[in-house]
Protein backbone atom coordinates (compact mmCIF):
# COMPACT_ATOMS: atom_id res chain seq x y z
CA MET A 1 -19.61 -19.81 -39.92
CA GLU A 2 -16.02 -20.03 -40.26
CA LEU A 3 -15.03 -16.56 -39.01
CA ALA A 4 -17.48 -17.22 -36.30
CA ARG A 5 -15.92 -19.91 -35.17
CA ARG A 6 -12.02 -18.29 -35.13
CA ASP A 7 -13.25 -15.23 -33.21
CA LYS A 8 -14.64 -18.26 -30.73
CA VAL A 9 -11.14 -20.14 -30.85
CA ARG A 10 -9.02 -15.83 -30.11
CA GLU A 11 -11.66 -15.38 -27.50
CA LEU A 12 -11.23 -19.05 -25.79
CA ALA A 13 -7.31 -18.81 -26.25
CA LYS A 14 -7.24 -15.02 -25.11
CA PHE A 15 -9.43 -16.79 -22.02
CA ASP A 16 -6.71 -18.52 -21.48
CA ILE A 17 -3.83 -15.84 -20.88
CA ASP A 18 -6.50 -13.53 -18.70
CA LEU A 19 -7.23 -16.81 -16.36
CA GLN A 20 -3.11 -17.30 -16.65
CA TYR A 21 -2.51 -13.91 -15.59
CA GLY A 22 -5.02 -14.13 -12.74
CA GLN A 23 -3.88 -17.68 -11.26
CA GLU A 24 -0.58 -15.84 -10.67
CA GLY A 25 -2.02 -12.77 -8.80
CA GLU A 26 -3.99 -15.71 -6.77
CA GLN A 27 -0.59 -16.71 -6.02
CA TRP A 28 1.12 -13.57 -5.18
CA LEU A 29 -1.73 -13.45 -2.34
CA LYS A 30 -1.16 -16.45 -1.09
CA ILE A 31 3.02 -16.17 -0.70
CA LEU A 32 1.89 -13.12 0.79
CA GLY A 33 -0.39 -15.54 3.39
CA THR A 34 2.91 -17.56 3.60
CA ASP A 35 6.28 -16.63 5.62
CA GLN A 36 7.70 -16.90 2.43
CA ALA A 37 7.02 -13.21 2.24
CA LYS A 38 7.36 -11.56 5.34
CA MET A 39 4.60 -8.97 5.82
CA GLU A 40 3.95 -6.05 8.45
CA VAL A 41 -0.23 -5.20 9.12
CA LYS A 42 -1.53 -2.17 10.64
CA THR A 43 -4.63 -1.56 10.91
CA GLU A 44 -6.54 1.68 11.77
CA ARG A 45 -9.47 2.22 12.99
CA ASP A 46 -13.02 5.00 12.89
CA ARG A 47 -10.97 7.85 13.02
CA TRP A 48 -9.15 7.47 9.21
CA ALA A 49 -12.67 7.97 8.02
CA GLN A 50 -12.90 11.41 10.18
CA THR A 51 -9.40 12.74 9.09
CA GLY A 52 -8.97 11.37 6.09
CA ASN A 53 -5.08 10.44 6.84
CA ALA A 54 -3.41 6.96 7.06
CA VAL A 55 -0.89 7.42 10.30
CA PHE A 56 2.55 5.59 9.45
CA GLU A 57 4.86 5.93 13.39
CA TYR A 58 8.48 6.11 12.34
CA GLU A 59 9.61 6.21 16.28
CA CYS A 60 8.08 6.26 19.52
CA ARG A 61 9.68 7.16 23.36
CA SER A 62 12.26 8.24 20.94
CA LYS A 63 13.70 5.04 19.70
CA PRO A 64 12.88 3.81 15.78
CA SER A 65 9.72 1.87 15.23
CA GLY A 66 6.96 0.89 13.46
CA ILE A 67 7.79 1.27 9.55
CA ALA A 68 11.34 2.36 10.54
CA VAL A 69 12.56 -0.86 11.74
CA THR A 70 10.20 -3.15 10.25
CA THR A 71 12.40 -6.11 9.05
CA SER A 72 8.86 -7.12 6.04
CA ASP A 73 9.06 -7.46 2.53
CA TYR A 74 5.24 -5.96 2.32
CA TRP A 75 3.36 -3.57 4.74
CA CYS A 76 -0.17 -4.04 4.42
CA HIS A 77 -2.27 -1.10 6.02
CA ASN A 78 -6.09 -2.07 6.43
CA PHE A 79 -8.69 0.72 6.84
CA MET A 80 -11.35 -0.79 9.59
CA LEU A 81 -15.38 1.05 10.27
CA ASN A 82 -17.61 0.09 12.76
CA ASP A 83 -15.63 -3.02 12.84
CA ARG A 84 -15.61 -3.92 9.03
CA CYS A 85 -12.63 -3.92 6.58
CA CYS A 86 -13.38 -0.84 4.31
CA MET A 87 -9.65 -0.93 2.09
CA SER A 88 -6.43 -2.45 2.28
CA TYR A 89 -3.09 -1.48 1.11
CA VAL A 90 -0.16 -3.03 0.58
CA PHE A 91 3.28 -1.81 -0.01
CA ASN A 92 6.98 -2.87 -0.96
CA VAL A 93 8.22 -1.71 2.41
CA ASP A 94 11.40 -0.15 0.01
CA ASP A 95 8.50 1.80 -1.88
CA LEU A 96 6.94 2.62 1.09
CA LYS A 97 9.89 4.35 3.35
CA GLN A 98 11.55 6.25 0.01
CA PHE A 99 8.10 7.65 -0.07
CA LEU A 100 8.05 8.44 3.70
CA ARG A 101 11.68 10.18 3.73
CA MET A 102 10.21 12.39 1.10
CA CYS A 103 7.61 13.13 3.57
CA ILE A 104 10.34 14.12 6.79
CA LYS A 105 12.30 15.65 4.43
CA THR A 106 9.73 17.42 2.37
CA PRO A 107 7.58 18.92 4.67
CA GLY A 108 3.74 18.81 3.07
CA TYR A 109 4.73 16.30 0.64
CA ALA A 110 2.09 14.98 -1.04
CA GLY A 111 -0.32 16.69 1.65
CA SER A 112 1.15 14.68 4.55
CA ARG A 113 2.07 16.67 7.84
CA LEU A 114 4.81 15.23 10.57
CA THR A 115 3.01 15.21 14.37
CA ILE A 116 3.04 13.69 17.45
CA GLY A 117 0.13 10.60 18.23
CA GLY A 118 -0.46 7.18 19.81
CA ASP A 119 -0.26 6.77 24.06
CA ASN A 120 0.50 9.41 25.51
CA ASN A 121 1.59 11.52 22.53
CA ALA A 122 4.80 8.88 22.87
CA SER A 123 5.05 8.45 18.88
CA LYS A 124 6.02 10.22 16.20
CA VAL A 125 4.13 10.05 13.07
CA ILE A 126 3.00 10.90 9.26
CA LEU A 127 -0.34 11.75 8.75
CA VAL A 128 -0.92 11.21 4.79
CA PRO A 129 -3.94 11.75 2.80
CA ILE A 130 -5.40 8.26 2.16
CA THR A 131 -5.75 9.86 -1.34
CA GLU A 132 -2.22 10.35 -1.71
CA LEU A 133 -1.39 6.60 -1.50
CA TRP A 134 -1.53 5.85 -4.90
CA ARG A 135 1.97 8.26 -5.41
CA ILE A 136 3.71 5.45 -3.64
CA THR A 137 2.87 3.18 -6.20
CA CYS A 138 3.22 5.79 -9.02
CA ASN A 139 6.79 6.60 -7.84
CA THR A 140 8.12 3.34 -8.90
CA LEU A 141 6.52 3.08 -12.34
CA PRO A 142 8.70 2.86 -15.17
CA PHE A 143 6.87 5.30 -17.66
CA ARG A 144 6.53 9.20 -17.62
CA THR A 145 3.39 8.80 -15.51
CA ARG A 146 6.14 9.70 -11.72
CA ASP A 147 8.10 12.31 -13.86
CA VAL A 148 4.57 14.15 -13.33
CA LEU A 149 4.59 13.59 -9.25
C-alpha cells in the first residue's frame, strides 16, 4: 500500500510541474496578444492548399515591404481554407528573416522559389513549401539537428 501511495505522490508532483509548464506556455500566448510583444499577422487564403507554398513578400513597387520592413518581434502566418483557419505558424522575426535571406542568396534553398506576385505583379515574393517551414526553427536549435539541414 505504501508503494502505491508513493507512486501517486510522484505522479501528482509531475502533474504540478507539467501544469506550471503549460501555464507558462499560455502566458506566452497571452503576451503575444498584447502590446508587450509586437506581432505581424499574414493570412493566406485558399491558394496555398493548391500550391503547397507559403508566400513572403519582401519588395513592392521597387521598395522594401512585408517581411523586409516589419518591426515586429513575431510573425504569425495563418493558412485559411474556405474561410476557416487550418493552421498557423508563429516565428521569431529575426529567425524568419535569416531563413528568408538564405532563400534569396541560395536559389532553391529548402525548395524555395523567388518570383513576382501580388496586385499587378508589383511584388517580389519568396515561395516556401509549407512542409519546409520547420527549418526556420530547426536552424536555431542548440543541438545537432541544425547541422543536418
